[in-house]
C-alpha atoms as a PDB file:
ATOM      1  CA  MET A   1      -0.211  -0.275   0.090  1.00  0.00           C
ATOM      2  CA  SER A   2       1.173   3.147  -1.193  1.00  0.00           C
ATOM      3  CA  ARG A   3       1.951   6.397   1.597  1.00  0.00           C
ATOM      4  CA  SER A   4      -0.826   8.294   2.232  1.00  0.00           C
ATOM      5  CA  PHE A   5       0.000  10.331   4.966  1.00  0.00           C
ATOM      6  CA  ALA A   6       1.924  13.252   5.188  1.00  0.00           C
ATOM      7  CA  VAL A   7       6.045  14.026   6.057  1.00  0.00           C
ATOM      8  CA  PRO A   8       7.842  12.889   8.283  1.00  0.00           C
ATOM      9  CA  LEU A   9       5.074  11.262  10.162  1.00  0.00           C
ATOM     10  CA  ASP A  10       4.202   7.764   9.233  1.00  0.00           C
ATOM     11  CA  ALA A  11       2.641   6.676  12.745  1.00  0.00           C
ATOM     12  CA  VAL A  12       1.883   2.924  11.908  1.00  0.00           C
ATOM     13  CA  ASP A  13       5.273   0.381  11.137  1.00  0.00           C
ATOM     14  CA  GLU A  14       2.443  -2.321  10.961  1.00  0.00           C
ATOM     15  CA  VAL A  15      -1.539  -2.858  10.254  1.00  0.00           C
ATOM     16  CA  GLN A  16      -3.610  -6.281  10.480  1.00  0.00           C
ATOM     17  CA  VAL A  17      -6.566  -5.502   8.849  1.00  0.00           C
ATOM     18  CA  HIS A  18      -9.333  -8.334  10.693  1.00  0.00           C
ATOM     19  CA  ALA A  19     -13.322  -8.848  10.575  1.00  0.00           C
ATOM     20  CA  ASP A  20     -14.172  -6.274  13.147  1.00  0.00           C
ATOM     21  CA  GLY A  21     -11.927  -3.590  13.331  1.00  0.00           C
ATOM     22  CA  VAL A  22      -7.998  -3.370  12.773  1.00  0.00           C
ATOM     23  CA  THR A  23      -4.246  -3.656  15.194  1.00  0.00           C
ATOM     24  CA  ALA A  24      -1.241  -1.605  14.275  1.00  0.00           C
ATOM     25  CA  VAL A  25       2.258  -1.421  15.830  1.00  0.00           C
ATOM     26  CA  LYS A  26       4.326   1.784  16.467  1.00  0.00           C
ATOM     27  CA  ARG A  27       7.859   1.298  17.352  1.00  0.00           C
ATOM     28  CA  ILE A  28       8.935   4.492  19.469  1.00  0.00           C
ATOM     29  CA  VAL A  29      12.466   4.741  18.005  1.00  0.00           C
ATOM     30  CA  ALA A  30      15.324   6.660  20.128  1.00  0.00           C
ATOM     31  CA  ASP A  31      16.456   8.874  17.105  1.00  0.00           C
ATOM     32  CA  ASP A  32      13.111  10.084  15.499  1.00  0.00           C
ATOM     33  CA  PRO A  33      13.157  13.568  14.950  1.00  0.00           C
ATOM     34  CA  TYR A  34      10.223  14.675  16.494  1.00  0.00           C
ATOM     35  CA  LEU A  35      10.913  13.396  20.014  1.00  0.00           C
ATOM     36  CA  VAL A  36      14.205  15.745  20.126  1.00  0.00           C
ATOM     37  CA  GLY A  37      12.368  18.414  21.392  1.00  0.00           C
ATOM     38  CA  HIS A  38       9.974  16.284  23.284  1.00  0.00           C
ATOM     39  CA  TYR A  39      10.582  16.908  26.086  1.00  0.00           C
ATOM     40  CA  PRO A  40      14.440  17.827  26.309  1.00  0.00           C
ATOM     41  CA  GLY A  41      15.912  14.799  28.687  1.00  0.00           C
ATOM     42  CA  PHE A  42      13.252  13.304  28.456  1.00  0.00           C
ATOM     43  CA  PRO A  43      11.409  12.394  25.578  1.00  0.00           C
ATOM     44  CA  ILE A  44       8.166  11.232  25.185  1.00  0.00           C
ATOM     45  CA  TYR A  45       5.703  10.277  21.740  1.00  0.00           C
ATOM     46  CA  PRO A  46       3.689  12.948  21.630  1.00  0.00           C
ATOM     47  CA  GLY A  47       0.091  11.772  22.570  1.00  0.00           C
ATOM     48  CA  VAL A  48      -1.173  13.404  19.573  1.00  0.00           C
ATOM     49  CA  PHE A  49       0.935  11.287  17.648  1.00  0.00           C
ATOM     50  CA  THR A  50      -0.829   7.816  19.672  1.00  0.00           C
ATOM     51  CA  VAL A  51      -4.552   9.272  18.049  1.00  0.00           C
ATOM     52  CA  GLU A  52      -2.805   9.066  14.471  1.00  0.00           C
ATOM     53  CA  THR A  53      -1.943   5.544  15.204  1.00  0.00           C
ATOM     54  CA  VAL A  54      -5.152   5.100  15.434  1.00  0.00           C
ATOM     55  CA  HIS A  55      -6.094   7.565  13.226  1.00  0.00           C
ATOM     56  CA  GLN A  56      -3.893   5.740  10.090  1.00  0.00           C
ATOM     57  CA  ALA A  57      -4.720   2.135  10.655  1.00  0.00           C
ATOM     58  CA  ALA A  58      -8.489   2.510  10.782  1.00  0.00           C
ATOM     59  CA  ARG A  59      -8.448   4.622   7.617  1.00  0.00           C
ATOM     60  CA  ARG A  60      -6.269   1.920   6.118  1.00  0.00           C
ATOM     61  CA  ALA A  61      -9.097  -0.930   7.042  1.00  0.00           C
ATOM     62  CA  VAL A  62     -12.075   1.676   5.991  1.00  0.00           C
ATOM     63  CA  GLU A  63     -10.285   2.037   2.357  1.00  0.00           C
ATOM     64  CA  ALA A  64      -8.894  -1.745   1.843  1.00  0.00           C
ATOM     65  CA  GLY A  65     -12.911  -2.847   3.075  1.00  0.00           C
ATOM     66  CA  ARG A  66     -14.099  -0.742   0.445  1.00  0.00           C
ATOM     67  CA  GLY A  67     -11.877  -0.703  -2.436  1.00  0.00           C
ATOM     68  CA  PRO A  68     -10.295   1.801  -5.087  1.00  0.00           C
ATOM     69  CA  GLY A  69     -12.394   4.993  -5.615  1.00  0.00           C
ATOM     70  CA  VAL A  70     -12.891   5.368  -1.457  1.00  0.00           C
ATOM     71  CA  ARG A  71     -11.820   8.386   0.297  1.00  0.00           C
ATOM     72  CA  VAL A  72     -11.952   8.811   4.255  1.00  0.00           C
ATOM     73  CA  GLU A  73     -11.010  11.497   6.574  1.00  0.00           C
ATOM     74  CA  LEU A  74     -11.144  12.675  10.077  1.00  0.00           C
ATOM     75  CA  ALA A  75     -14.362  13.217  11.103  1.00  0.00           C
ATOM     76  CA  ALA A  76     -14.045  13.812  15.181  1.00  0.00           C
ATOM     77  CA  VAL A  77     -12.034  12.695  17.757  1.00  0.00           C
ATOM     78  CA  ARG A  78     -14.606  12.056  20.159  1.00  0.00           C
ATOM     79  CA  SER A  79     -12.795  10.671  23.551  1.00  0.00           C
ATOM     80  CA  VAL A  80      -8.850  10.541  24.338  1.00  0.00           C
ATOM     81  CA  ARG A  81      -7.406   9.358  27.354  1.00  0.00           C
ATOM     82  CA  PHE A  82      -3.640   8.685  28.445  1.00  0.00           C
ATOM     83  CA  ARG A  83      -3.227   6.644  30.624  1.00  0.00           C
ATOM     84  CA  ALA A  84       1.107   6.077  30.847  1.00  0.00           C
ATOM     85  CA  PRO A  85       4.049   7.668  28.606  1.00  0.00           C
ATOM     86  CA  LEU A  86       5.859   5.755  25.584  1.00  0.00           C
ATOM     87  CA  LEU A  87       9.258   6.025  25.703  1.00  0.00           C
ATOM     88  CA  PRO A  88      11.737   5.224  23.058  1.00  0.00           C
ATOM     89  CA  GLY A  89      12.186   1.399  23.136  1.00  0.00           C
ATOM     90  CA  ASP A  90       8.432   0.737  23.655  1.00  0.00           C
ATOM     91  CA  VAL A  91       5.936  -0.537  21.015  1.00  0.00           C
ATOM     92  CA  LEU A  92       3.007   0.845  20.774  1.00  0.00           C
ATOM     93  CA  THR A  93       0.037  -1.477  20.506  1.00  0.00           C
ATOM     94  CA  ALA A  94      -3.394  -0.360  19.000  1.00  0.00           C
ATOM     95  CA  ALA A  95      -6.232  -2.575  19.165  1.00  0.00           C
ATOM     96  CA  CYS A  96      -9.496  -0.436  16.975  1.00  0.00           C
ATOM     97  CA  ARG A  97     -13.040  -2.000  16.796  1.00  0.00           C
ATOM     98  CA  LEU A  98     -14.854  -0.548  13.926  1.00  0.00           C
ATOM     99  CA  ARG A  99     -18.283  -0.135  13.656  1.00  0.00           C
ATOM    100  CA  GLU A 100     -20.113   1.961  10.746  1.00  0.00           C
ATOM    101  CA  ASP A 101     -23.028   4.268  11.149  1.00  0.00           C
ATOM    102  CA  PRO A 102     -26.198   1.915   9.774  1.00  0.00           C
ATOM    103  CA  ASP A 103     -27.542   5.030   8.569  1.00  0.00           C
ATOM    104  CA  GLY A 104     -25.707   3.952   5.171  1.00  0.00           C
ATOM    105  CA  GLY A 105     -21.994   3.377   6.554  1.00  0.00           C
ATOM    106  CA  GLN A 106     -20.758   7.289   5.366  1.00  0.00           C
ATOM    107  CA  ARG A 107     -19.343   6.867   9.140  1.00  0.00           C
ATOM    108  CA  VAL A 108     -17.396   4.716  10.678  1.00  0.00           C
ATOM    109  CA  ARG A 109     -16.979   5.182  14.960  1.00  0.00           C
ATOM    110  CA  VAL A 110     -13.500   3.702  15.667  1.00  0.00           C
ATOM    111  CA  ASP A 111     -13.133   2.907  19.424  1.00  0.00           C
ATOM    112  CA  ALA A 112      -9.823   1.884  20.155  1.00  0.00           C
ATOM    113  CA  ASP A 113      -6.972   0.464  23.268  1.00  0.00           C
ATOM    114  CA  CYS A 114      -3.280   0.920  23.156  1.00  0.00           C
ATOM    115  CA  ARG A 115      -1.039  -0.376  25.023  1.00  0.00           C
ATOM    116  CA  ARG A 116       2.462  -0.848  25.608  1.00  0.00           C
ATOM    117  CA  HIS A 117       4.614  -3.874  24.795  1.00  0.00           C
ATOM    118  CA  ASP A 118       4.332  -4.407  28.490  1.00  0.00           C
ATOM    119  CA  GLY A 119       0.689  -4.534  28.249  1.00  0.00           C
ATOM    120  CA  GLU A 120       0.153  -1.304  29.808  1.00  0.00           C
ATOM    121  CA  VAL A 121      -2.927   0.533  28.917  1.00  0.00           C
ATOM    122  CA  THR A 122      -0.888   3.688  27.501  1.00  0.00           C
ATOM    123  CA  ALA A 123      -4.450   5.478  26.087  1.00  0.00           C
ATOM    124  CA  LYS A 124      -8.305   5.020  24.952  1.00  0.00           C
ATOM    125  CA  VAL A 125      -9.256   7.206  21.860  1.00  0.00           C
ATOM    126  CA  SER A 126     -12.311   6.836  20.329  1.00  0.00           C
ATOM    127  CA  LEU A 127     -12.633   9.189  16.742  1.00  0.00           C
ATOM    128  CA  GLU A 128     -15.237   9.360  13.958  1.00  0.00           C
ATOM    129  CA  LEU A 129     -14.054   9.011   9.998  1.00  0.00           C
ATOM    130  CA  LEU A 130     -16.266  10.122   7.555  1.00  0.00           C
ATOM    131  CA  VAL A 131     -16.150   7.644   3.983  1.00  0.00           C
ATOM    132  CA  LEU A 132     -16.299   9.491   0.850  1.00  0.00           C
ATOM    133  CA  SER A 133     -17.181   7.583  -2.074  1.00  0.00           C
ATOM    134  CA  GLN A 134     -14.582   9.442  -4.617  1.00  0.00           C
ATOM    135  CA  GLU A 135     -11.083  10.133  -4.800  1.00  0.00           C
ATOM    136  CA  PRO A 136     -11.104  13.893  -5.542  1.00  0.00           C
ATOM    137  CA  ALA A 137     -10.226  14.843  -9.521  1.00  0.00           C
ATOM    138  CA  ASP A 138      -6.330  16.175  -8.173  1.00  0.00           C
ATOM    139  CA  ALA A 139      -5.794  13.717  -5.535  1.00  0.00           C
END
């Protein structure tokens, strides 16, 4: 699958799509440029990047399930609760459950449990995607 997200943030290293959702893995690497100033002397994976990991994984799953010509956008971030930090060397796993809107499937609700490799819950994320039928002509 080609990269469809802005450089330099590719917030997903691995994606596994399954019947009721998607699981994403992101390795937190010490020399990634975004950790330099967040925070000096104590680098932490930015919380908004955890939200972006969930978004990118869910978007890939919806696009794969709907086929070519479908465009998916983030419609809303409903809830985010950060529980524990992600540090260099940690591995983030986001288990995302996807539920389609019963009224035609234009909206997809995503609820994700995010955990470190040690099993500690790092975040709970709830967001909504909007599914559009066609790619724009200039895409």
